[in-house]
C-alpha atoms as a PDB file:
ATOM      1  CA  UNK A   1     -27.184  28.018   1.195  1.00  0.00           C
ATOM      2  CA  UNK A   2     -30.819  29.544  -0.903  1.00  0.00           C
ATOM      3  CA  UNK A   3     -30.193  31.333  -4.257  1.00  0.00           C
ATOM      4  CA  UNK A   4     -32.984  33.875  -5.412  1.00  0.00           C
ATOM      5  CA  UNK A   5     -32.658  34.016  -9.374  1.00  0.00           C
ATOM      6  CA  UNK A   6     -34.985  36.673 -11.157  1.00  0.00           C
ATOM      7  CA  UNK A   7     -35.896  36.325 -15.072  1.00  0.00           C
ATOM      8  CA  UNK A   8     -38.244  37.670 -17.475  1.00  0.00           C
ATOM      9  CA  UNK A   9     -41.294  35.344 -19.277  1.00  0.00           C
ATOM     10  CA  UNK A  10     -40.862  35.892 -22.363  1.00  0.00           C
ATOM     11  CA  UNK A  11     -44.663  34.760 -23.145  1.00  0.00           C
ATOM     12  CA  UNK A  12     -46.193  36.029 -20.451  1.00  0.00           C
ATOM     13  CA  UNK A  13     -44.237  38.982 -20.246  1.00  0.00           C
ATOM     14  CA  UNK A  14     -43.928  38.363 -15.949  1.00  0.00           C
ATOM     15  CA  UNK A  15     -40.837  38.375 -14.045  1.00  0.00           C
ATOM     16  CA  UNK A  16     -40.696  34.992 -11.997  1.00  0.00           C
ATOM     17  CA  UNK A  17     -38.692  34.840  -8.702  1.00  0.00           C
ATOM     18  CA  UNK A  18     -37.117  31.434  -8.357  1.00  0.00           C
ATOM     19  CA  UNK A  19     -35.263  30.440  -4.951  1.00  0.00           C
ATOM     20  CA  UNK A  20     -33.329  27.512  -5.283  1.00  0.00           C
ATOM     21  CA  UNK A  21     -32.157  25.654  -2.249  1.00  0.00           C
ATOM     22  CA  UNK A  22     -28.225  24.276  -2.815  1.00  0.00           C
ATOM     23  CA  UNK A  23     -26.182  21.797  -0.660  1.00  0.00           C
ATOM     24  CA  UNK A  24     -23.365  23.580   1.113  1.00  0.00           C
ATOM     25  CA  UNK A  25     -20.433  23.089  -0.920  1.00  0.00           C
ATOM     26  CA  UNK A  26     -17.763  22.987   1.645  1.00  0.00           C
ATOM     27  CA  UNK A  27     -19.486  19.954   3.562  1.00  0.00           C
ATOM     28  CA  UNK A  28     -19.853  18.171  -0.743  1.00  0.00           C
ATOM     29  CA  UNK A  29     -16.113  19.203  -1.136  1.00  0.00           C
ATOM     30  CA  UNK A  30     -15.498  17.420   2.754  1.00  0.00           C
ATOM     31  CA  UNK A  31     -17.641  14.483   1.516  1.00  0.00           C
ATOM     32  CA  UNK A  32     -15.834  13.775  -1.678  1.00  0.00           C
ATOM     33  CA  UNK A  33     -12.374  14.066  -0.224  1.00  0.00           C
ATOM     34  CA  UNK A  34     -13.249  11.623   2.531  1.00  0.00           C
ATOM     35  CA  UNK A  35     -13.761   8.765  -0.328  1.00  0.00           C
ATOM     36  CA  UNK A  36     -10.346   6.720  -2.126  1.00  0.00           C
ATOM     37  CA  UNK A  37     -10.024   8.927  -5.663  1.00  0.00           C
ATOM     38  CA  UNK A  38      -8.293   5.297  -6.603  1.00  0.00           C
ATOM     39  CA  UNK A  39     -10.597   2.554  -4.917  1.00  0.00           C
ATOM     40  CA  UNK A  40     -13.883   4.001  -3.800  1.00  0.00           C
ATOM     41  CA  UNK A  41     -12.970   3.363   0.217  1.00  0.00           C
ATOM     42  CA  UNK A  42     -13.655   5.650   3.122  1.00  0.00           C
ATOM     43  CA  UNK A  43     -10.111   7.494   4.119  1.00  0.00           C
ATOM     44  CA  UNK A  44     -11.017   7.772   7.551  1.00  0.00           C
ATOM     45  CA  UNK A  45      -8.967   9.908   9.449  1.00  0.00           C
ATOM     46  CA  UNK A  46      -5.337   8.581   7.132  1.00  0.00           C
ATOM     47  CA  UNK A  47      -6.235   9.876   4.313  1.00  0.00           C
ATOM     48  CA  UNK A  48      -3.092  10.516   1.740  1.00  0.00           C
ATOM     49  CA  UNK A  49      -3.344  13.881   0.131  1.00  0.00           C
ATOM     50  CA  UNK A  50      -2.155  14.670  -3.226  1.00  0.00           C
ATOM     51  CA  UNK A  51      -2.700  17.952  -5.211  1.00  0.00           C
ATOM     52  CA  UNK A  52      -6.876  17.617  -4.621  1.00  0.00           C
ATOM     53  CA  UNK A  53      -7.516  14.456  -4.239  1.00  0.00           C
ATOM     54  CA  UNK A  54      -7.665  11.907  -1.553  1.00  0.00           C
ATOM     55  CA  UNK A  55      -5.886   8.093  -1.010  1.00  0.00           C
ATOM     56  CA  UNK A  56      -6.831   5.837   1.471  1.00  0.00           C
ATOM     57  CA  UNK A  57      -3.153   4.551   1.283  1.00  0.00           C
ATOM     58  CA  UNK A  58       0.149   5.153  -0.224  1.00  0.00           C
ATOM     59  CA  UNK A  59      -0.556   2.292  -2.097  1.00  0.00           C
ATOM     60  CA  UNK A  60      -3.711   3.704  -3.976  1.00  0.00           C
ATOM     61  CA  UNK A  61      -1.494   6.806  -4.505  1.00  0.00           C
ATOM     62  CA  UNK A  62       1.079   5.186  -6.131  1.00  0.00           C
ATOM     63  CA  UNK A  63      -1.152   3.363  -8.597  1.00  0.00           C
ATOM     64  CA  UNK A  64      -2.729   6.405  -9.328  1.00  0.00           C
ATOM     65  CA  UNK A  65       0.747   8.034 -10.284  1.00  0.00           C
ATOM     66  CA  UNK A  66       1.453   5.550 -12.663  1.00  0.00           C
ATOM     67  CA  UNK A  67      -1.909   5.717 -14.326  1.00  0.00           C
ATOM     68  CA  UNK A  68      -1.076   9.355 -14.514  1.00  0.00           C
ATOM     69  CA  UNK A  69       2.043   9.129 -15.390  1.00  0.00           C
ATOM     70  CA  UNK A  70       1.106   7.126 -18.358  1.00  0.00           C
ATOM     71  CA  UNK A  71      -1.677   8.903 -19.537  1.00  0.00           C
ATOM     72  CA  UNK A  72      -4.248   5.962 -18.465  1.00  0.00           C
ATOM     73  CA  UNK A  73      -6.171   7.850 -16.026  1.00  0.00           C
ATOM     74  CA  UNK A  74      -9.272   7.140 -18.391  1.00  0.00           C
ATOM     75  CA  UNK A  75      -9.408   3.946 -16.267  1.00  0.00           C
ATOM     76  CA  UNK A  76     -11.082   5.752 -14.051  1.00  0.00           C
ATOM     77  CA  UNK A  77     -13.901   6.869 -15.870  1.00  0.00           C
ATOM     78  CA  UNK A  78     -15.189   3.738 -17.900  1.00  0.00           C
ATOM     79  CA  UNK A  79     -16.788   2.008 -14.964  1.00  0.00           C
ATOM     80  CA  UNK A  80     -17.953   3.547 -11.573  1.00  0.00           C
ATOM     81  CA  UNK A  81     -16.503   0.967  -9.765  1.00  0.00           C
ATOM     82  CA  UNK A  82     -12.972   0.576 -11.615  1.00  0.00           C
ATOM     83  CA  UNK A  83     -10.153   0.883  -8.862  1.00  0.00           C
ATOM     84  CA  UNK A  84      -9.050  -1.940  -6.450  1.00  0.00           C
ATOM     85  CA  UNK A  85      -7.408  -1.444  -3.527  1.00  0.00           C
ATOM     86  CA  UNK A  86      -3.766  -2.140  -3.403  1.00  0.00           C
ATOM     87  CA  UNK A  87      -2.028  -4.128  -0.504  1.00  0.00           C
ATOM     88  CA  UNK A  88       0.317  -2.214   0.716  1.00  0.00           C
ATOM     89  CA  UNK A  89       3.339  -4.812   0.440  1.00  0.00           C
ATOM     90  CA  UNK A  90       6.683  -4.116  -0.850  1.00  0.00           C
ATOM     91  CA  UNK A  91       7.510  -5.631  -4.012  1.00  0.00           C
ATOM     92  CA  UNK A  92      11.034  -5.416  -4.935  1.00  0.00           C
ATOM     93  CA  UNK A  93      12.408  -9.130  -3.841  1.00  0.00           C
ATOM     94  CA  UNK A  94       8.922 -10.729  -3.779  1.00  0.00           C
ATOM     95  CA  UNK A  95       9.236 -12.242  -7.701  1.00  0.00           C
ATOM     96  CA  UNK A  96      13.159 -12.825  -7.272  1.00  0.00           C
ATOM     97  CA  UNK A  97      11.877 -16.019  -7.777  1.00  0.00           C
ATOM     98  CA  UNK A  98      10.829 -15.646 -11.622  1.00  0.00           C
ATOM     99  CA  UNK A  99      14.346 -14.742 -12.328  1.00  0.00           C
ATOM    100  CA  UNK A 100      15.126 -18.885 -11.586  1.00  0.00           C
ATOM    101  CA  UNK A 101      15.562 -20.337 -15.368  1.00  0.00           C
ATOM    102  CA  UNK A 102      13.159 -23.772 -14.470  1.00  0.00           C
ATOM    103  CA  UNK A 103      10.566 -21.488 -13.017  1.00  0.00           C
ATOM    104  CA  UNK A 104      10.429 -19.681 -16.077  1.00  0.00           C
ATOM    105  CA  UNK A 105      10.035 -22.776 -17.941  1.00  0.00           C
ATOM    106  CA  UNK A 106       6.933 -23.843 -15.933  1.00  0.00           C
ATOM    107  CA  UNK A 107       5.295 -20.619 -16.205  1.00  0.00           C
ATOM    108  CA  UNK A 108       5.737 -19.442 -20.309  1.00  0.00           C
ATOM    109  CA  UNK A 109       3.887 -21.211 -22.329  1.00  0.00           C
ATOM    110  CA  UNK A 110       5.975 -20.285 -25.352  1.00  0.00           C
ATOM    111  CA  UNK A 111       9.289 -19.685 -25.470  1.00  0.00           C
ATOM    112  CA  UNK A 112      11.679 -18.745 -28.551  1.00  0.00           C
ATOM    113  CA  UNK A 113      14.481 -16.315 -29.165  1.00  0.00           C
ATOM    114  CA  UNK A 114      12.942 -12.995 -28.730  1.00  0.00           C
ATOM    115  CA  UNK A 115       9.122 -13.698 -27.769  1.00  0.00           C
ATOM    116  CA  UNK A 116       7.797 -15.474 -25.013  1.00  0.00           C
ATOM    117  CA  UNK A 117       4.240 -15.776 -24.025  1.00  0.00           C
ATOM    118  CA  UNK A 118       2.640 -16.383 -20.775  1.00  0.00           C
ATOM    119  CA  UNK A 119      -1.233 -16.309 -19.416  1.00  0.00           C
ATOM    120  CA  UNK A 120      -2.259 -15.449 -16.193  1.00  0.00           C
ATOM    121  CA  UNK A 121      -5.033 -15.814 -13.724  1.00  0.00           C
ATOM    122  CA  UNK A 122      -6.075 -12.529 -12.249  1.00  0.00           C
ATOM    123  CA  UNK A 123      -9.444 -13.053  -9.783  1.00  0.00           C
ATOM    124  CA  UNK A 124      -9.177  -9.133  -9.299  1.00  0.00           C
ATOM    125  CA  UNK A 125     -10.709  -8.750 -13.113  1.00  0.00           C
ATOM    126  CA  UNK A 126     -14.121  -7.537 -12.650  1.00  0.00           C
ATOM    127  CA  UNK A 127     -14.819  -5.139 -15.109  1.00  0.00           C
ATOM    128  CA  UNK A 128     -14.250  -3.311 -18.712  1.00  0.00           C
ATOM    129  CA  UNK A 129     -12.273  -0.649 -16.726  1.00  0.00           C
ATOM    130  CA  UNK A 130      -9.650  -3.592 -16.088  1.00  0.00           C
ATOM    131  CA  UNK A 131      -9.921  -5.157 -19.487  1.00  0.00           C
ATOM    132  CA  UNK A 132      -9.354  -1.553 -20.406  1.00  0.00           C
ATOM    133  CA  UNK A 133      -6.246  -0.652 -18.338  1.00  0.00           C
ATOM    134  CA  UNK A 134      -4.442  -4.791 -18.426  1.00  0.00           C
ATOM    135  CA  UNK A 135      -4.960  -4.918 -22.612  1.00  0.00           C
ATOM    136  CA  UNK A 136      -2.878  -1.221 -22.313  1.00  0.00           C
ATOM    137  CA  UNK A 137      -0.435  -2.478 -20.032  1.00  0.00           C
ATOM    138  CA  UNK A 138       2.375  -2.062 -22.983  1.00  0.00           C
ATOM    139  CA  UNK A 139       2.395   1.540 -21.966  1.00  0.00           C
ATOM    140  CA  UNK A 140       3.898   0.960 -18.140  1.00  0.00           C
ATOM    141  CA  UNK A 141       5.541  -1.879 -19.656  1.00  0.00           C
ATOM    142  CA  UNK A 142       7.491  -0.891 -23.123  1.00  0.00           C
ATOM    143  CA  UNK A 143       8.412  -4.704 -23.391  1.00  0.00           C
ATOM    144  CA  UNK A 144       4.880  -6.051 -23.911  1.00  0.00           C
ATOM    145  CA  UNK A 145       4.208  -6.145 -27.337  1.00  0.00           C
ATOM    146  CA  UNK A 146       0.609  -7.278 -26.815  1.00  0.00           C
ATOM    147  CA  UNK A 147      -1.962  -8.115 -24.099  1.00  0.00           C
ATOM    148  CA  UNK A 148      -5.613 -10.102 -24.714  1.00  0.00           C
ATOM    149  CA  UNK A 149      -8.058 -10.697 -21.873  1.00  0.00           C
ATOM    150  CA  UNK A 150     -10.589 -13.387 -21.028  1.00  0.00           C
ATOM    151  CA  UNK A 151     -12.752 -11.600 -19.041  1.00  0.00           C
ATOM    152  CA  UNK A 152     -15.245 -14.690 -18.277  1.00  0.00           C
ATOM    153  CA  UNK A 153     -11.748 -16.766 -17.333  1.00  0.00           C
ATOM    154  CA  UNK A 154     -10.317 -13.759 -15.504  1.00  0.00           C
ATOM    155  CA  UNK A 155      -7.161 -14.195 -17.343  1.00  0.00           C
ATOM    156  CA  UNK A 156      -4.643 -12.109 -19.129  1.00  0.00           C
ATOM    157  CA  UNK A 157      -2.842 -13.427 -22.223  1.00  0.00           C
ATOM    158  CA  UNK A 158       0.507 -11.738 -22.776  1.00  0.00           C
ATOM    159  CA  UNK A 159       3.191 -11.781 -25.479  1.00  0.00           C
ATOM    160  CA  UNK A 160       6.084  -9.995 -24.397  1.00  0.00           C
ATOM    161  CA  UNK A 161       9.763  -9.590 -25.705  1.00  0.00           C
ATOM    162  CA  UNK A 162      13.019 -11.131 -24.067  1.00  0.00           C
ATOM    163  CA  UNK A 163      15.330  -8.328 -24.985  1.00  0.00           C
ATOM    164  CA  UNK A 164      13.301  -5.033 -23.691  1.00  0.00           C
ATOM    165  CA  UNK A 165      11.795  -7.304 -20.019  1.00  0.00           C
ATOM    166  CA  UNK A 166      11.826  -9.706 -18.215  1.00  0.00           C
ATOM    167  CA  UNK A 167       8.875 -12.212 -16.564  1.00  0.00           C
ATOM    168  CA  UNK A 168       9.664 -10.872 -13.313  1.00  0.00           C
ATOM    169  CA  UNK A 169       8.706  -7.227 -14.742  1.00  0.00           C
ATOM    170  CA  UNK A 170       6.024  -8.091 -16.330  1.00  0.00           C
ATOM    171  CA  UNK A 171       4.351  -9.527 -13.083  1.00  0.00           C
ATOM    172  CA  UNK A 172       6.024  -6.655 -11.261  1.00  0.00           C
ATOM    173  CA  UNK A 173       4.254  -4.091 -14.104  1.00  0.00           C
ATOM    174  CA  UNK A 174       0.995  -5.961 -13.366  1.00  0.00           C
ATOM    175  CA  UNK A 175       1.155  -6.037  -9.475  1.00  0.00           C
ATOM    176  CA  UNK A 176       2.279  -1.906  -9.666  1.00  0.00           C
ATOM    177  CA  UNK A 177      -1.349  -1.278 -11.092  1.00  0.00           C
ATOM    178  CA  UNK A 178      -3.481  -3.449  -8.451  1.00  0.00           C
ATOM    179  CA  UNK A 179      -3.631  -6.344 -10.745  1.00  0.00           C
ATOM    180  CA  UNK A 180      -1.619  -9.165  -9.192  1.00  0.00           C
ATOM    181  CA  UNK A 181      -1.443 -12.427 -11.115  1.00  0.00           C
ATOM    182  CA  UNK A 182      -2.378 -16.028  -9.300  1.00  0.00           C
ATOM    183  CA  UNK A 183       0.650 -17.869 -10.012  1.00  0.00           C
ATOM    184  CA  UNK A 184       0.774 -21.346  -8.493  1.00  0.00           C
ATOM    185  CA  UNK A 185       3.660 -23.543  -9.530  1.00  0.00           C
ATOM    186  CA  UNK A 186       1.804 -26.439  -8.888  1.00  0.00           C
ATOM    187  CA  UNK A 187      -0.834 -25.699 -11.177  1.00  0.00           C
ATOM    188  CA  UNK A 188       1.341 -24.692 -13.958  1.00  0.00           C
ATOM    189  CA  UNK A 189       3.249 -27.806 -13.805  1.00  0.00           C
ATOM    190  CA  UNK A 190       0.627 -29.545 -14.204  1.00  0.00           C
ATOM    191  CA  UNK A 191      -1.138 -28.131 -17.172  1.00  0.00           C
ATOM    192  CA  UNK A 192       2.398 -27.550 -18.815  1.00  0.00           C
ATOM    193  CA  UNK A 193       2.762 -31.389 -18.168  1.00  0.00           C
ATOM    194  CA  UNK A 194      -0.712 -32.099 -19.212  1.00  0.00           C
ATOM    195  CA  UNK A 195      -0.144 -30.128 -22.339  1.00  0.00           C
ATOM    196  CA  UNK A 196       2.915 -32.229 -23.073  1.00  0.00           C
ATOM    197  CA  UNK A 197       1.127 -35.303 -22.725  1.00  0.00           C
ATOM    198  CA  UNK A 198      -1.728 -34.912 -25.195  1.00  0.00           C
ATOM    199  CA  UNK A 199       0.763 -33.563 -27.516  1.00  0.00           C
ATOM    200  CA  UNK A 200       3.067 -36.641 -26.922  1.00  0.00           C
ATOM    201  CA  UNK A 201      -0.437 -38.973 -27.902  1.00  0.00           C
ATOM    202  CA  UNK A 202      -1.033 -36.919 -30.977  1.00  0.00           C
ATOM    203  CA  UNK A 203       2.093 -37.213 -32.021  1.00  0.00           C
ATOM    204  CA  UNK A 204       2.267 -41.258 -31.141  1.00  0.00           C
ATOM    205  CA  UNK A 205      -1.484 -41.478 -33.245  1.00  0.00           C
ATOM    206  CA  UNK A 206      -0.096 -39.697 -36.000  1.00  0.00           C
ATOM    207  CA  UNK A 207       3.072 -41.827 -35.996  1.00  0.00           C
ATOM    208  CA  UNK A 208       0.226 -44.720 -35.818  1.00  0.00           C
ATOM    209  CA  UNK A 209      -1.922 -43.199 -38.703  1.00  0.00           C
ATOM    210  CA  UNK A 210       0.893 -43.023 -40.901  1.00  0.00           C
ATOM    211  CA  UNK A 211       2.590 -46.550 -40.767  1.00  0.00           C
ATOM    212  CA  UNK A 212      -0.988 -48.010 -41.015  1.00  0.00           C
ATOM    213  CA  UNK A 213      -1.095 -46.031 -44.290  1.00  0.00           C
ATOM    214  CA  UNK A 214       1.868 -47.236 -45.764  1.00  0.00           C
ATOM    215  CA  UNK A 215       1.009 -51.000 -44.390  1.00  0.00           C
ATOM    216  CA  UNK A 216      -2.225 -50.633 -46.773  1.00  0.00           C
ATOM    217  CA  UNK A 217      -0.020 -48.553 -49.547  1.00  0.00           C
ATOM    218  CA  UNK A 218       2.524 -52.037 -49.666  1.00  0.00           C
ATOM    219  CA  UNK A 219      -0.283 -54.451 -48.855  1.00  0.00           C
ATOM    220  CA  UNK A 220      -3.214 -53.823 -51.177  1.00  0.00           C
ATOM    221  CA  UNK A 221      -1.715 -54.552 -54.612  1.00  0.00           C
ATOM    222  CA  UNK A 222      -0.602 -58.086 -53.177  1.00  0.00           C
ATOM    223  CA  UNK A 223      -4.361 -58.750 -51.977  1.00  0.00           C
ATOM    224  CA  UNK A 224      -5.648 -57.289 -55.216  1.00  0.00           C
ATOM    225  CA  UNK A 225      -3.702 -60.179 -57.331  1.00  0.00           C
ATOM    226  CA  UNK A 226      -4.538 -62.582 -54.405  1.00  0.00           C
ATOM    227  CA  UNK A 227      -8.416 -61.593 -54.631  1.00  0.00           C
ATOM    228  CA  UNK A 228      -8.689 -62.221 -58.997  1.00  0.00           C
ATOM    229  CA  UNK A 229      -7.317 -65.468 -58.079  1.00  0.00           C
ATOM    230  CA  UNK A 230      -9.824 -66.170 -55.772  1.00  0.00           C
ATOM    231  CA  UNK A 231     -12.272 -64.868 -58.439  1.00  0.00           C
ATOM    232  CA  UNK A 232     -11.268 -66.050 -61.122  1.00  0.00           C
ATOM    233  CA  UNK A 233     -11.007 -69.741 -59.500  1.00  0.00           C
ATOM    234  CA  UNK A 234     -14.620 -69.272 -58.082  1.00  0.00           C
ATOM    235  CA  UNK A 235     -15.929 -68.957 -61.790  1.00  0.00           C
ATOM    236  CA  UNK A 236     -14.078 -71.781 -62.910  1.00  0.00           C
ATOM    237  CA  UNK A 237     -15.430 -75.101 -64.619  1.00  0.00           C
ATOM    238  CA  UNK A 238     -13.311 -77.115 -61.368  1.00  0.00           C
ATOM    239  CA  UNK A 239     -15.149 -75.085 -58.884  1.00  0.00           C
ATOM    240  CA  UNK A 240     -18.524 -75.679 -60.353  1.00  0.00           C
ATOM    241  CA  UNK A 241     -18.107 -79.262 -60.392  1.00  0.00           C
ATOM    242  CA  UNK A 242     -16.695 -79.291 -56.930  1.00  0.00           C
ATOM    243  CA  UNK A 243     -20.146 -77.008 -55.964  1.00  0.00           C
ATOM    244  CA  UNK A 244     -21.863 -79.476 -57.714  1.00  0.00           C
ATOM    245  CA  UNK A 245     -20.411 -82.646 -56.202  1.00  0.00           C
ATOM    246  CA  UNK A 246     -20.982 -81.333 -52.602  1.00  0.00           C
ATOM    247  CA  UNK A 247     -24.634 -80.838 -53.293  1.00  0.00           C
END
């Protein structure tokens, strides 16, 4: 497509003819629509349409709808490679094991009457958009009170209200936006056991220190009295004579 523009040069009072060659916008539009709006992958011939947007699969479309429904589409503008391709695996029953109290106790780091905290490893964390979205996961799940991302360790720490949501619902919220946590029950159990062992060790050291201090507090006056007697004997005349005899 060619566009001709005529304009006047106010300095030289001449008319300038400019010919601009523009790309075929229909081809550009087709090129753009051939890539997934969420993850950026090629849609090929199996694209899923939503309004004027194309998605490579139903999973990416679902994530976009979740973000759009919670006013989180700024996620796409923070980083050019923000979106993650979503695994098209139904998870309605995948996380039912997270209803088990024994398993919950292995994963949750802190738990009281209505508050729990948990830290998940999420290998997919790779850019500032990931941080932005994960620290706003409370908009997807209102039961989440606070979430903080450790970018270097690729971890997210979440504090949530037990009366509003559950551990399973928190995990499902993360999965719904493309960030499935890496949950390894053996690792979580070892981590918790290790922490418990260290707490027991610290408690024992504390008790031992207290007992040692108590012992010194009790024995020191007695030792001081005997030390005074010994010092007095050392300065006495009998001790002086004994030393002369030994010489």
